[in-house]
Amino acid sequence: MMDVSLTELVGLMAGCLTTGSFIPQVVKILRTRDVSGISLLMYVAFVIGVLLWCIYGVINGQIAVIAANGITLVLAGIILGMKIRYRGIAGKERPFRQ
């Protein structure tokens, strides 16, 4: 069994909570295809920022940073992809290419 420090445990718990907070948004968008309340610019900046945090975690060998931001990158990437693909009015599918 791995010996995990209190600091690492706090980091892992924080990562689980902040990363998990994206799950309801992803599920809602996948279910409704409603991305009208999502800011494209914010998610572009956020995804780039999370990618940079992943790189930072790899460089410094910080497992909690890598794990939390890796999962967040996938979830936020799904939201960003859906925002790009479906734009428009609540609940109505509108392909990006119009």
PDB file of N, CA and C in Angstrom:
ATOM      1  N   MET A   1       0.840  -1.191   0.000  1.00  0.00           N
ATOM      2  CA  MET A   1       0.000   0.000   0.000  1.00  0.00           C
ATOM      3  C   MET A   1       0.877   1.244   0.000  1.00  0.00           C
ATOM      4  N   MET A   2       0.444   2.259  -0.762  1.00  0.00           N
ATOM      5  CA  MET A   2       1.215   3.486  -0.853  1.00  0.00           C
ATOM      6  C   MET A   2       1.070   4.319   0.406  1.00  0.00           C
ATOM      7  N   ASP A   3       2.144   4.965   0.788  1.00  0.00           N
ATOM      8  CA  ASP A   3       2.124   5.871   1.925  1.00  0.00           C
ATOM      9  C   ASP A   3       1.801   7.264   1.401  1.00  0.00           C
ATOM     10  N   VAL A   4       0.598   7.764   1.701  1.00  0.00           N
ATOM     11  CA  VAL A   4       0.147   9.058   1.197  1.00  0.00           C
ATOM     12  C   VAL A   4       0.202  10.067   2.330  1.00  0.00           C
ATOM     13  N   SER A   5       0.858  11.203   2.064  1.00  0.00           N
ATOM     14  CA  SER A   5       0.959  12.253   3.069  1.00  0.00           C
ATOM     15  C   SER A   5      -0.378  12.976   3.210  1.00  0.00           C
ATOM     16  N   LEU A   6      -0.536  13.682   4.320  1.00  0.00           N
ATOM     17  CA  LEU A   6      -1.753  14.456   4.542  1.00  0.00           C
ATOM     18  C   LEU A   6      -1.916  15.510   3.449  1.00  0.00           C
ATOM     19  N   THR A   7      -0.824  16.113   3.039  1.00  0.00           N
ATOM     20  CA  THR A   7      -0.868  17.120   1.975  1.00  0.00           C
ATOM     21  C   THR A   7      -1.379  16.514   0.680  1.00  0.00           C
ATOM     22  N   GLU A   8      -0.866  15.338   0.326  1.00  0.00           N
ATOM     23  CA  GLU A   8      -1.298  14.663  -0.892  1.00  0.00           C
ATOM     24  C   GLU A   8      -2.763  14.252  -0.792  1.00  0.00           C
ATOM     25  N   LEU A   9      -3.185  13.795   0.374  1.00  0.00           N
ATOM     26  CA  LEU A   9      -4.569  13.402   0.592  1.00  0.00           C
ATOM     27  C   LEU A   9      -5.513  14.596   0.422  1.00  0.00           C
ATOM     28  N   VAL A  10      -5.136  15.739   0.988  1.00  0.00           N
ATOM     29  CA  VAL A  10      -5.944  16.951   0.831  1.00  0.00           C
ATOM     30  C   VAL A  10      -6.026  17.324  -0.651  1.00  0.00           C
ATOM     31  N   GLY A  11      -4.911  17.241  -1.362  1.00  0.00           N
ATOM     32  CA  GLY A  11      -4.893  17.543  -2.786  1.00  0.00           C
ATOM     33  C   GLY A  11      -5.783  16.611  -3.578  1.00  0.00           C
ATOM     34  N   LEU A  12      -5.733  15.318  -3.253  1.00  0.00           N
ATOM     35  CA  LEU A  12      -6.582  14.341  -3.942  1.00  0.00           C
ATOM     36  C   LEU A  12      -8.060  14.581  -3.657  1.00  0.00           C
ATOM     37  N   MET A  13      -8.388  14.902  -2.417  1.00  0.00           N
ATOM     38  CA  MET A  13      -9.783  15.188  -2.058  1.00  0.00           C
ATOM     39  C   MET A  13     -10.273  16.447  -2.768  1.00  0.00           C
ATOM     40  N   ALA A  14      -9.446  17.487  -2.788  1.00  0.00           N
ATOM     41  CA  ALA A  14      -9.814  18.727  -3.476  1.00  0.00           C
ATOM     42  C   ALA A  14     -10.025  18.460  -4.961  1.00  0.00           C
ATOM     43  N   GLY A  15      -9.138  17.682  -5.548  1.00  0.00           N
ATOM     44  CA  GLY A  15      -9.259  17.339  -6.959  1.00  0.00           C
ATOM     45  C   GLY A  15     -10.538  16.585  -7.268  1.00  0.00           C
ATOM     46  N   CYS A  16     -10.892  15.642  -6.401  1.00  0.00           N
ATOM     47  CA  CYS A  16     -12.125  14.873  -6.597  1.00  0.00           C
ATOM     48  C   CYS A  16     -13.356  15.777  -6.570  1.00  0.00           C
ATOM     49  N   LEU A  17     -13.387  16.694  -5.620  1.00  0.00           N
ATOM     50  CA  LEU A  17     -14.548  17.578  -5.493  1.00  0.00           C
ATOM     51  C   LEU A  17     -14.645  18.566  -6.646  1.00  0.00           C
ATOM     52  N   THR A  18     -13.532  19.216  -6.991  1.00  0.00           N
ATOM     53  CA  THR A  18     -13.585  20.209  -8.065  1.00  0.00           C
ATOM     54  C   THR A  18     -13.798  19.551  -9.423  1.00  0.00           C
ATOM     55  N   THR A  19     -13.185  18.414  -9.643  1.00  0.00           N
ATOM     56  CA  THR A  19     -13.367  17.697 -10.899  1.00  0.00           C
ATOM     57  C   THR A  19     -14.779  17.144 -10.994  1.00  0.00           C
ATOM     58  N   GLY A  20     -15.257  16.560  -9.937  1.00  0.00           N
ATOM     59  CA  GLY A  20     -16.608  15.986  -9.914  1.00  0.00           C
ATOM     60  C   GLY A  20     -17.695  17.011 -10.152  1.00  0.00           C
ATOM     61  N   SER A  21     -17.406  18.267  -9.855  1.00  0.00           N
ATOM     62  CA  SER A  21     -18.413  19.309 -10.041  1.00  0.00           C
ATOM     63  C   SER A  21     -18.759  19.521 -11.515  1.00  0.00           C
ATOM     64  N   PHE A  22     -17.915  19.057 -12.429  1.00  0.00           N
ATOM     65  CA  PHE A  22     -18.191  19.194 -13.856  1.00  0.00           C
ATOM     66  C   PHE A  22     -19.155  18.122 -14.362  1.00  0.00           C
ATOM     67  N   ILE A  23     -19.270  17.029 -13.665  1.00  0.00           N
ATOM     68  CA  ILE A  23     -20.073  15.907 -14.145  1.00  0.00           C
ATOM     69  C   ILE A  23     -21.536  16.285 -14.388  1.00  0.00           C
ATOM     70  N   PRO A  24     -22.224  16.977 -13.452  1.00  0.00           N
ATOM     71  CA  PRO A  24     -23.623  17.333 -13.730  1.00  0.00           C
ATOM     72  C   PRO A  24     -23.777  18.209 -14.981  1.00  0.00           C
ATOM     73  N   GLN A  25     -22.826  19.114 -15.225  1.00  0.00           N
ATOM     74  CA  GLN A  25     -22.907  19.974 -16.406  1.00  0.00           C
ATOM     75  C   GLN A  25     -22.737  19.163 -17.686  1.00  0.00           C
ATOM     76  N   VAL A  26     -21.776  18.248 -17.680  1.00  0.00           N
ATOM     77  CA  VAL A  26     -21.553  17.399 -18.853  1.00  0.00           C
ATOM     78  C   VAL A  26     -22.794  16.558 -19.138  1.00  0.00           C
ATOM     79  N   VAL A  27     -23.346  15.950 -18.109  1.00  0.00           N
ATOM     80  CA  VAL A  27     -24.543  15.110 -18.284  1.00  0.00           C
ATOM     81  C   VAL A  27     -25.697  15.937 -18.833  1.00  0.00           C
ATOM     82  N   LYS A  28     -25.907  17.132 -18.274  1.00  0.00           N
ATOM     83  CA  LYS A  28     -27.002  17.989 -18.734  1.00  0.00           C
ATOM     84  C   LYS A  28     -26.819  18.382 -20.193  1.00  0.00           C
ATOM     85  N   ILE A  29     -25.607  18.758 -20.582  1.00  0.00           N
ATOM     86  CA  ILE A  29     -25.368  19.166 -21.967  1.00  0.00           C
ATOM     87  C   ILE A  29     -25.527  17.983 -22.919  1.00  0.00           C
ATOM     88  N   LEU A  30     -25.004  16.822 -22.532  1.00  0.00           N
ATOM     89  CA  LEU A  30     -25.153  15.645 -23.393  1.00  0.00           C
ATOM     90  C   LEU A  30     -26.618  15.253 -23.546  1.00  0.00           C
ATOM     91  N   ARG A  31     -27.386  15.437 -22.491  1.00  0.00           N
ATOM     92  CA  ARG A  31     -28.794  15.062 -22.507  1.00  0.00           C
ATOM     93  C   ARG A  31     -29.647  16.062 -23.310  1.00  0.00           C
ATOM     94  N   THR A  32     -29.399  17.361 -23.127  1.00  0.00           N
ATOM     95  CA  THR A  32     -30.265  18.383 -23.719  1.00  0.00           C
ATOM     96  C   THR A  32     -29.674  19.055 -24.958  1.00  0.00           C
ATOM     97  N   ARG A  33     -28.363  18.976 -25.119  1.00  0.00           N
ATOM     98  CA  ARG A  33     -27.634  19.685 -26.178  1.00  0.00           C
ATOM     99  C   ARG A  33     -27.816  21.198 -26.080  1.00  0.00           C
ATOM    100  N   ASP A  34     -28.188  21.661 -24.897  1.00  0.00           N
ATOM    101  CA  ASP A  34     -28.380  23.091 -24.654  1.00  0.00           C
ATOM    102  C   ASP A  34     -27.069  23.677 -24.135  1.00  0.00           C
ATOM    103  N   VAL A  35     -26.414  24.454 -24.958  1.00  0.00           N
ATOM    104  CA  VAL A  35     -25.152  25.088 -24.581  1.00  0.00           C
ATOM    105  C   VAL A  35     -25.283  26.610 -24.565  1.00  0.00           C
ATOM    106  N   SER A  36     -26.515  27.092 -24.561  1.00  0.00           N
ATOM    107  CA  SER A  36     -26.760  28.530 -24.641  1.00  0.00           C
ATOM    108  C   SER A  36     -26.195  29.292 -23.441  1.00  0.00           C
ATOM    109  N   GLY A  37     -26.084  28.653 -22.312  1.00  0.00           N
ATOM    110  CA  GLY A  37     -25.563  29.325 -21.124  1.00  0.00           C
ATOM    111  C   GLY A  37     -24.070  29.157 -20.917  1.00  0.00           C
ATOM    112  N   ILE A  38     -23.387  28.566 -21.877  1.00  0.00           N
ATOM    113  CA  ILE A  38     -21.957  28.280 -21.769  1.00  0.00           C
ATOM    114  C   ILE A  38     -21.166  29.304 -22.581  1.00  0.00           C
ATOM    115  N   SER A  39     -20.148  29.890 -21.974  1.00  0.00           N
ATOM    116  CA  SER A  39     -19.297  30.858 -22.655  1.00  0.00           C
ATOM    117  C   SER A  39     -18.181  30.130 -23.410  1.00  0.00           C
ATOM    118  N   LEU A  40     -18.145  30.311 -24.726  1.00  0.00           N
ATOM    119  CA  LEU A  40     -17.118  29.686 -25.554  1.00  0.00           C
ATOM    120  C   LEU A  40     -15.727  30.180 -25.160  1.00  0.00           C
ATOM    121  N   LEU A  41     -15.556  31.476 -25.024  1.00  0.00           N
ATOM    122  CA  LEU A  41     -14.252  32.039 -24.681  1.00  0.00           C
ATOM    123  C   LEU A  41     -13.768  31.544 -23.311  1.00  0.00           C
ATOM    124  N   MET A  42     -14.675  31.464 -22.358  1.00  0.00           N
ATOM    125  CA  MET A  42     -14.302  30.982 -21.023  1.00  0.00           C
ATOM    126  C   MET A  42     -13.824  29.541 -21.085  1.00  0.00           C
ATOM    127  N   TYR A  43     -14.528  28.691 -21.833  1.00  0.00           N
ATOM    128  CA  TYR A  43     -14.135  27.283 -21.893  1.00  0.00           C
ATOM    129  C   TYR A  43     -12.863  27.064 -22.699  1.00  0.00           C
ATOM    130  N   VAL A  44     -12.618  27.877 -23.724  1.00  0.00           N
ATOM    131  CA  VAL A  44     -11.347  27.791 -24.443  1.00  0.00           C
ATOM    132  C   VAL A  44     -10.206  28.116 -23.488  1.00  0.00           C
ATOM    133  N   ALA A  45     -10.331  29.229 -22.760  1.00  0.00           N
ATOM    134  CA  ALA A  45      -9.301  29.624 -21.803  1.00  0.00           C
ATOM    135  C   ALA A  45      -9.142  28.582 -20.698  1.00  0.00           C
ATOM    136  N   PHE A  46     -10.262  28.058 -20.218  1.00  0.00           N
ATOM    137  CA  PHE A  46     -10.219  27.082 -19.133  1.00  0.00           C
ATOM    138  C   PHE A  46      -9.526  25.791 -19.563  1.00  0.00           C
ATOM    139  N   VAL A  47      -9.873  25.283 -20.734  1.00  0.00           N
ATOM    140  CA  VAL A  47      -9.267  24.038 -21.230  1.00  0.00           C
ATOM    141  C   VAL A  47      -7.758  24.223 -21.424  1.00  0.00           C
ATOM    142  N   ILE A  48      -7.342  25.354 -21.967  1.00  0.00           N
ATOM    143  CA  ILE A  48      -5.910  25.615 -22.114  1.00  0.00           C
ATOM    144  C   ILE A  48      -5.233  25.683 -20.745  1.00  0.00           C
ATOM    145  N   GLY A  49      -5.872  26.354 -19.798  1.00  0.00           N
ATOM    146  CA  GLY A  49      -5.326  26.444 -18.445  1.00  0.00           C
ATOM    147  C   GLY A  49      -5.192  25.087 -17.769  1.00  0.00           C
ATOM    148  N   VAL A  50      -6.210  24.257 -17.903  1.00  0.00           N
ATOM    149  CA  VAL A  50      -6.172  22.919 -17.310  1.00  0.00           C
ATOM    150  C   VAL A  50      -5.090  22.066 -17.972  1.00  0.00           C
ATOM    151  N   LEU A  51      -4.941  22.190 -19.277  1.00  0.00           N
ATOM    152  CA  LEU A  51      -3.866  21.484 -19.974  1.00  0.00           C
ATOM    153  C   LEU A  51      -2.497  21.903 -19.418  1.00  0.00           C
ATOM    154  N   LEU A  52      -2.327  23.189 -19.207  1.00  0.00           N
ATOM    155  CA  LEU A  52      -1.062  23.677 -18.635  1.00  0.00           C
ATOM    156  C   LEU A  52      -0.845  23.160 -17.213  1.00  0.00           C
ATOM    157  N   TRP A  53      -1.917  23.044 -16.411  1.00  0.00           N
ATOM    158  CA  TRP A  53      -1.794  22.459 -15.074  1.00  0.00           C
ATOM    159  C   TRP A  53      -1.370  20.993 -15.158  1.00  0.00           C
ATOM    160  N   CYS A  54      -1.896  20.268 -16.143  1.00  0.00           N
ATOM    161  CA  CYS A  54      -1.474  18.870 -16.342  1.00  0.00           C
ATOM    162  C   CYS A  54       0.019  18.801 -16.641  1.00  0.00           C
ATOM    163  N   ILE A  55       0.469  19.659 -17.533  1.00  0.00           N
ATOM    164  CA  ILE A  55       1.891  19.697 -17.874  1.00  0.00           C
ATOM    165  C   ILE A  55       2.726  20.037 -16.646  1.00  0.00           C
ATOM    166  N   TYR A  56       2.274  21.009 -15.874  1.00  0.00           N
ATOM    167  CA  TYR A  56       2.951  21.387 -14.626  1.00  0.00           C
ATOM    168  C   TYR A  56       3.049  20.189 -13.682  1.00  0.00           C
ATOM    169  N   GLY A  57       1.949  19.453 -13.544  1.00  0.00           N
ATOM    170  CA  GLY A  57       1.938  18.279 -12.675  1.00  0.00           C
ATOM    171  C   GLY A  57       2.909  17.209 -13.145  1.00  0.00           C
ATOM    172  N   VAL A  58       2.995  17.000 -14.448  1.00  0.00           N
ATOM    173  CA  VAL A  58       3.937  16.018 -14.998  1.00  0.00           C
ATOM    174  C   VAL A  58       5.375  16.462 -14.728  1.00  0.00           C
ATOM    175  N   ILE A  59       5.660  17.722 -14.991  1.00  0.00           N
ATOM    176  CA  ILE A  59       7.011  18.250 -14.777  1.00  0.00           C
ATOM    177  C   ILE A  59       7.444  18.082 -13.322  1.00  0.00           C
ATOM    178  N   ASN A  60       6.514  18.301 -12.399  1.00  0.00           N
ATOM    179  CA  ASN A  60       6.842  18.252 -10.972  1.00  0.00           C
ATOM    180  C   ASN A  60       6.504  16.923 -10.308  1.00  0.00           C
ATOM    181  N   GLY A  61       5.985  15.970 -11.070  1.00  0.00           N
ATOM    182  CA  GLY A  61       5.672  14.656 -10.526  1.00  0.00           C
ATOM    183  C   GLY A  61       4.595  14.677  -9.455  1.00  0.00           C
ATOM    184  N   GLN A  62       3.600  15.536  -9.623  1.00  0.00           N
ATOM    185  CA  GLN A  62       2.533  15.672  -8.631  1.00  0.00           C
ATOM    186  C   GLN A  62       1.292  14.918  -9.108  1.00  0.00           C
ATOM    187  N   ILE A  63       1.119  13.742  -8.559  1.00  0.00           N
ATOM    188  CA  ILE A  63       0.041  12.849  -8.981  1.00  0.00           C
ATOM    189  C   ILE A  63      -1.336  13.480  -8.813  1.00  0.00           C
ATOM    190  N   ALA A  64      -1.578  14.163  -7.701  1.00  0.00           N
ATOM    191  CA  ALA A  64      -2.895  14.777  -7.470  1.00  0.00           C
ATOM    192  C   ALA A  64      -3.197  15.817  -8.537  1.00  0.00           C
ATOM    193  N   VAL A  65      -2.226  16.608  -8.909  1.00  0.00           N
ATOM    194  CA  VAL A  65      -2.412  17.639  -9.931  1.00  0.00           C
ATOM    195  C   VAL A  65      -2.666  16.998 -11.292  1.00  0.00           C
ATOM    196  N   ILE A  66      -1.897  15.973 -11.606  1.00  0.00           N
ATOM    197  CA  ILE A  66      -2.054  15.275 -12.881  1.00  0.00           C
ATOM    198  C   ILE A  66      -3.431  14.624 -12.976  1.00  0.00           C
ATOM    199  N   ALA A  67      -3.810  13.879 -11.951  1.00  0.00           N
ATOM    200  CA  ALA A  67      -5.080  13.140 -11.970  1.00  0.00           C
ATOM    201  C   ALA A  67      -6.280  14.079 -12.046  1.00  0.00           C
ATOM    202  N   ALA A  68      -6.333  15.047 -11.157  1.00  0.00           N
ATOM    203  CA  ALA A  68      -7.487  15.948 -11.112  1.00  0.00           C
ATOM    204  C   ALA A  68      -7.613  16.740 -12.404  1.00  0.00           C
ATOM    205  N   ASN A  69      -6.508  17.289 -12.864  1.00  0.00           N
ATOM    206  CA  ASN A  69      -6.574  18.117 -14.060  1.00  0.00           C
ATOM    207  C   ASN A  69      -6.732  17.289 -15.327  1.00  0.00           C
ATOM    208  N   GLY A  70      -6.234  16.073 -15.335  1.00  0.00           N
ATOM    209  CA  GLY A  70      -6.440  15.199 -16.486  1.00  0.00           C
ATOM    210  C   GLY A  70      -7.905  14.871 -16.681  1.00  0.00           C
ATOM    211  N   ILE A  71      -8.573  14.527 -15.599  1.00  0.00           N
ATOM    212  CA  ILE A  71     -10.008  14.217 -15.677  1.00  0.00           C
ATOM    213  C   ILE A  71     -10.807  15.482 -15.990  1.00  0.00           C
ATOM    214  N   THR A  72     -10.442  16.592 -15.352  1.00  0.00           N
ATOM    215  CA  THR A  72     -11.117  17.860 -15.630  1.00  0.00           C
ATOM    216  C   THR A  72     -10.942  18.254 -17.093  1.00  0.00           C
ATOM    217  N   LEU A  73      -9.762  18.002 -17.641  1.00  0.00           N
ATOM    218  CA  LEU A  73      -9.502  18.311 -19.051  1.00  0.00           C
ATOM    219  C   LEU A  73     -10.465  17.545 -19.962  1.00  0.00           C
ATOM    220  N   VAL A  74     -10.688  16.283 -19.652  1.00  0.00           N
ATOM    221  CA  VAL A  74     -11.627  15.479 -20.456  1.00  0.00           C
ATOM    222  C   VAL A  74     -13.046  16.039 -20.330  1.00  0.00           C
ATOM    223  N   LEU A  75     -13.493  16.298 -19.106  1.00  0.00           N
ATOM    224  CA  LEU A  75     -14.854  16.790 -18.895  1.00  0.00           C
ATOM    225  C   LEU A  75     -15.063  18.173 -19.508  1.00  0.00           C
ATOM    226  N   ALA A  76     -14.123  19.082 -19.273  1.00  0.00           N
ATOM    227  CA  ALA A  76     -14.240  20.429 -19.839  1.00  0.00           C
ATOM    228  C   ALA A  76     -14.103  20.383 -21.367  1.00  0.00           C
ATOM    229  N   GLY A  77     -13.295  19.453 -21.861  1.00  0.00           N
ATOM    230  CA  GLY A  77     -13.158  19.281 -23.304  1.00  0.00           C
ATOM    231  C   GLY A  77     -14.458  18.826 -23.943  1.00  0.00           C
ATOM    232  N   ILE A  78     -15.195  17.966 -23.258  1.00  0.00           N
ATOM    233  CA  ILE A  78     -16.509  17.536 -23.752  1.00  0.00           C
ATOM    234  C   ILE A  78     -17.448  18.740 -23.823  1.00  0.00           C
ATOM    235  N   ILE A  79     -17.458  19.544 -22.763  1.00  0.00           N
ATOM    236  CA  ILE A  79     -18.316  20.730 -22.746  1.00  0.00           C
ATOM    237  C   ILE A  79     -17.915  21.682 -23.872  1.00  0.00           C
ATOM    238  N   LEU A  80     -16.628  21.919 -24.045  1.00  0.00           N
ATOM    239  CA  LEU A  80     -16.149  22.806 -25.108  1.00  0.00           C
ATOM    240  C   LEU A  80     -16.522  22.252 -26.484  1.00  0.00           C
ATOM    241  N   GLY A  81     -16.334  20.966 -26.669  1.00  0.00           N
ATOM    242  CA  GLY A  81     -16.702  20.349 -27.948  1.00  0.00           C
ATOM    243  C   GLY A  81     -18.175  20.481 -28.248  1.00  0.00           C
ATOM    244  N   MET A  82     -18.998  20.280 -27.234  1.00  0.00           N
ATOM    245  CA  MET A  82     -20.443  20.422 -27.427  1.00  0.00           C
ATOM    246  C   MET A  82     -20.814  21.882 -27.684  1.00  0.00           C
ATOM    247  N   LYS A  83     -20.118  22.817 -27.048  1.00  0.00           N
ATOM    248  CA  LYS A  83     -20.383  24.238 -27.285  1.00  0.00           C
ATOM    249  C   LYS A  83     -20.062  24.595 -28.734  1.00  0.00           C
ATOM    250  N   ILE A  84     -18.979  24.057 -29.237  1.00  0.00           N
ATOM    251  CA  ILE A  84     -18.600  24.326 -30.620  1.00  0.00           C
ATOM    252  C   ILE A  84     -19.576  23.653 -31.593  1.00  0.00           C
ATOM    253  N   ARG A  85     -19.966  22.439 -31.264  1.00  0.00           N
ATOM    254  CA  ARG A  85     -20.848  21.683 -32.161  1.00  0.00           C
ATOM    255  C   ARG A  85     -22.298  22.177 -32.121  1.00  0.00           C
ATOM    256  N   TYR A  86     -22.797  22.455 -30.919  1.00  0.00           N
ATOM    257  CA  TYR A  86     -24.204  22.855 -30.762  1.00  0.00           C
ATOM    258  C   TYR A  86     -24.259  24.255 -30.170  1.00  0.00           C
ATOM    259  N   ARG A  87     -24.702  25.182 -30.958  1.00  0.00           N
ATOM    260  CA  ARG A  87     -24.888  26.551 -30.480  1.00  0.00           C
ATOM    261  C   ARG A  87     -26.349  26.882 -30.634  1.00  0.00           C
ATOM    262  N   GLY A  88     -26.861  27.683 -29.728  1.00  0.00           N
ATOM    263  CA  GLY A  88     -28.200  28.167 -29.999  1.00  0.00           C
ATOM    264  C   GLY A  88     -29.149  28.192 -28.843  1.00  0.00           C
ATOM    265  N   ILE A  89     -30.385  28.076 -29.194  1.00  0.00           N
ATOM    266  CA  ILE A  89     -31.507  28.255 -28.286  1.00  0.00           C
ATOM    267  C   ILE A  89     -31.647  27.035 -27.389  1.00  0.00           C
ATOM    268  N   ALA A  90     -32.055  27.277 -26.162  1.00  0.00           N
ATOM    269  CA  ALA A  90     -32.201  26.229 -25.152  1.00  0.00           C
ATOM    270  C   ALA A  90     -32.979  25.037 -25.682  1.00  0.00           C
ATOM    271  N   GLY A  91     -32.342  23.861 -25.571  1.00  0.00           N
ATOM    272  CA  GLY A  91     -33.019  22.623 -25.910  1.00  0.00           C
ATOM    273  C   GLY A  91     -33.113  22.297 -27.391  1.00  0.00           C
ATOM    274  N   LYS A  92     -32.644  23.183 -28.246  1.00  0.00           N
ATOM    275  CA  LYS A  92     -32.728  22.925 -29.686  1.00  0.00           C
ATOM    276  C   LYS A  92     -31.342  22.662 -30.249  1.00  0.00           C
ATOM    277  N   GLU A  93     -31.256  21.594 -31.004  1.00  0.00           N
ATOM    278  CA  GLU A  93     -29.988  21.207 -31.615  1.00  0.00           C
ATOM    279  C   GLU A  93     -29.697  22.135 -32.788  1.00  0.00           C
ATOM    280  N   ARG A  94     -28.517  22.713 -32.786  1.00  0.00           N
ATOM    281  CA  ARG A  94     -28.114  23.583 -33.891  1.00  0.00           C
ATOM    282  C   ARG A  94     -26.694  23.241 -34.241  1.00  0.00           C
ATOM    283  N   PRO A  95     -26.466  22.536 -35.343  1.00  0.00           N
ATOM    284  CA  PRO A  95     -25.113  22.183 -35.749  1.00  0.00           C
ATOM    285  C   PRO A  95     -24.248  23.416 -35.957  1.00  0.00           C
ATOM    286  N   PHE A  96     -22.957  23.266 -35.725  1.00  0.00           N
ATOM    287  CA  PHE A  96     -21.992  24.354 -35.866  1.00  0.00           C
ATOM    288  C   PHE A  96     -21.994  24.890 -37.295  1.00  0.00           C
ATOM    289  N   ARG A  97     -22.039  23.993 -38.245  1.00  0.00           N
ATOM    290  CA  ARG A  97     -22.019  24.424 -39.642  1.00  0.00           C
ATOM    291  C   ARG A  97     -23.431  24.808 -40.097  1.00  0.00           C
ATOM    292  N   GLN A  98     -23.682  26.085 -40.212  1.00  0.00           N
ATOM    293  CA  GLN A  98     -24.998  26.568 -40.628  1.00  0.00           C
ATOM    294  C   GLN A  98     -24.883  27.437 -41.842  1.00  0.00           C
TER     295      GLN A  98
END
